[in-house]
Amino acid sequence: MQSPSRILRLTDIFTKQSHISRITINICMTNRPILPSELDNVRSAYRRDTVKQRQHELQSNAEDVKTSLKHINCNQLSDWDLETLRMVDEILMDEKVLKLRREIKSLMKSAGKDYEIEKELWQRRKKRK
């Protein structure tokens, strides 16, 4: 049986996700252990929230950098400054690609296909050609 302190900790960690809070409250009220499927829901919601928060921070920071660049003469930037700006552009592009892949995975999942399995099958077909 879950101790009340463990249940409270789960509630404190996942206060942003109302679905997670309902699961935790339900477990507390029924006094039963957490089911593996419920724990998977908690993990998935936490990962989604973490990814969204990271994307938001990256976008916000990129906008701040762009705003700062408008107020600076480009001749004042060192080669290293220009290289780091190029690196930041690559990071932002990588994030956009990762977001697109997550959206494709979600679409394929809703269509009843597994992204990773389909990717593996495609790679095998490509090797044979």
Protein backbone atom coordinates (compact mmCIF):
# COMPACT_ATOMS: atom_id res chain seq x y z
CA MET A 1 0.00 0.00 0.00
CA GLN A 2 1.24 3.52 -0.84
CA SER A 3 2.15 5.70 2.09
CA PRO A 4 0.41 9.11 2.30
CA SER A 5 3.76 10.86 1.99
CA ARG A 6 4.42 9.09 -1.34
CA ILE A 7 1.01 10.11 -2.64
CA LEU A 8 1.55 13.70 -1.59
CA ARG A 9 4.92 13.77 -3.32
CA LEU A 10 3.34 12.54 -6.56
CA THR A 11 0.67 15.23 -6.24
CA ASP A 12 3.29 17.92 -5.63
CA ILE A 13 5.37 16.83 -8.62
CA PHE A 14 2.49 16.70 -11.09
CA THR A 15 0.31 19.62 -10.08
CA LYS A 16 0.37 21.01 -13.63
CA GLN A 17 -1.33 17.98 -15.15
CA SER A 18 -4.95 17.78 -14.05
CA HIS A 19 -5.22 14.21 -15.34
CA ILE A 20 -2.30 13.19 -13.16
CA SER A 21 -3.75 14.95 -10.15
CA ARG A 22 -7.02 13.07 -10.63
CA ILE A 23 -5.15 9.76 -10.77
CA THR A 24 -3.24 10.61 -7.61
CA ILE A 25 -6.35 11.76 -5.75
CA ASN A 26 -8.20 8.62 -6.88
CA ILE A 27 -5.38 6.43 -5.57
CA CYS A 28 -5.35 8.32 -2.28
CA MET A 29 -9.11 7.99 -1.81
CA THR A 30 -9.30 4.30 -2.76
CA ASN A 31 -6.17 3.47 -0.77
CA ARG A 32 -4.84 1.18 -3.48
CA PRO A 33 -1.38 0.89 -5.08
CA ILE A 34 -0.51 2.65 -8.31
CA LEU A 35 -1.18 0.51 -11.37
CA PRO A 36 1.57 0.27 -14.00
CA SER A 37 -0.70 1.89 -16.60
CA GLU A 38 -1.30 4.84 -14.28
CA LEU A 39 2.43 5.19 -13.71
CA ASP A 40 2.94 5.17 -17.50
CA ASN A 41 0.37 7.98 -17.79
CA VAL A 42 2.28 9.96 -15.19
CA ARG A 43 5.58 9.43 -17.01
CA SER A 44 4.09 10.35 -20.40
CA ALA A 45 2.50 13.53 -19.06
CA TYR A 46 5.71 14.50 -17.32
CA ARG A 47 7.75 13.95 -20.50
CA ARG A 48 5.26 15.92 -22.61
CA ASP A 49 5.29 18.79 -20.13
CA THR A 50 9.10 18.77 -19.97
CA VAL A 51 9.41 18.82 -23.77
CA LYS A 52 6.87 21.64 -24.09
CA GLN A 53 8.60 23.66 -21.38
CA ARG A 54 12.00 23.16 -23.04
CA GLN A 55 10.61 24.21 -26.42
CA HIS A 56 9.04 27.30 -24.89
CA GLU A 57 12.30 28.27 -23.17
CA LEU A 58 14.27 27.81 -26.40
CA GLN A 59 11.80 29.93 -28.37
CA SER A 60 11.80 32.63 -25.73
CA ASN A 61 15.59 32.74 -25.52
CA ALA A 62 15.90 32.79 -29.31
CA GLU A 63 13.54 35.76 -29.51
CA ASP A 64 15.58 37.55 -26.84
CA VAL A 65 18.77 36.98 -28.85
CA LYS A 66 17.13 38.23 -32.05
CA THR A 67 15.94 41.36 -30.26
CA SER A 68 19.42 41.99 -28.85
CA LEU A 69 20.99 41.54 -32.29
CA LYS A 70 18.83 44.31 -33.71
CA HIS A 71 20.41 46.77 -31.27
CA ILE A 72 24.01 45.75 -31.95
CA ASN A 73 26.26 46.58 -34.87
CA CYS A 74 27.30 43.29 -36.52
CA ASN A 75 30.85 44.61 -36.91
CA GLN A 76 31.18 44.56 -33.11
CA LEU A 77 30.67 40.81 -32.97
CA SER A 78 33.70 38.55 -32.80
CA ASP A 79 34.13 35.43 -34.91
CA TRP A 80 33.17 33.38 -31.87
CA ASP A 81 29.95 35.39 -31.45
CA LEU A 82 29.04 34.69 -35.06
CA GLU A 83 29.87 30.99 -34.67
CA THR A 84 27.69 30.69 -31.56
CA LEU A 85 24.82 32.37 -33.41
CA ARG A 86 25.23 29.79 -36.16
CA MET A 87 25.23 27.03 -33.54
CA VAL A 88 22.05 28.44 -31.98
CA ASP A 89 20.39 28.40 -35.41
CA GLU A 90 21.32 24.72 -35.78
CA ILE A 91 19.92 23.92 -32.34
CA LEU A 92 16.64 25.64 -33.16
CA MET A 93 16.44 23.81 -36.49
CA ASP A 94 17.12 20.49 -34.72
CA GLU A 95 14.30 21.25 -32.29
CA LYS A 96 11.93 21.93 -35.19
CA VAL A 97 12.91 18.63 -36.79
CA LEU A 98 12.39 16.77 -33.50
CA LYS A 99 8.98 18.41 -33.08
CA LEU A 100 8.02 17.36 -36.60
CA ARG A 101 9.13 13.78 -35.88
CA ARG A 102 7.05 13.71 -32.69
CA GLU A 103 4.03 14.92 -34.67
CA ILE A 104 4.63 12.24 -37.31
CA LYS A 105 4.92 9.57 -34.59
CA SER A 106 1.66 10.75 -33.06
CA LEU A 107 -0.10 10.70 -36.43
CA MET A 108 1.19 7.21 -37.22
CA LYS A 109 0.17 5.98 -33.77
CA SER A 110 -3.36 7.27 -34.30
CA ALA A 111 -3.38 5.44 -37.65
CA GLY A 112 -2.39 2.21 -35.90
CA LYS A 113 1.22 2.12 -37.06
CA ASP A 114 4.39 2.12 -35.00
CA TYR A 115 6.90 4.76 -36.13
CA GLU A 116 9.99 2.85 -35.01
CA ILE A 117 8.90 -0.44 -36.59
CA GLU A 118 7.99 1.26 -39.87
CA LYS A 119 11.32 3.10 -39.83
CA GLU A 120 13.20 -0.18 -39.31
CA LEU A 121 11.27 -1.89 -42.13
CA TRP A 122 11.96 1.04 -44.46
CA GLN A 123 15.68 0.95 -43.64
CA ARG A 124 15.81 -2.78 -44.36
CA ARG A 125 14.06 -2.29 -47.71
CA LYS A 126 16.46 0.52 -48.57
CA LYS A 127 19.51 -1.68 -47.78
CA ARG A 128 18.25 -4.43 -50.09
CA LYS A 129 18.02 -2.07 -53.07
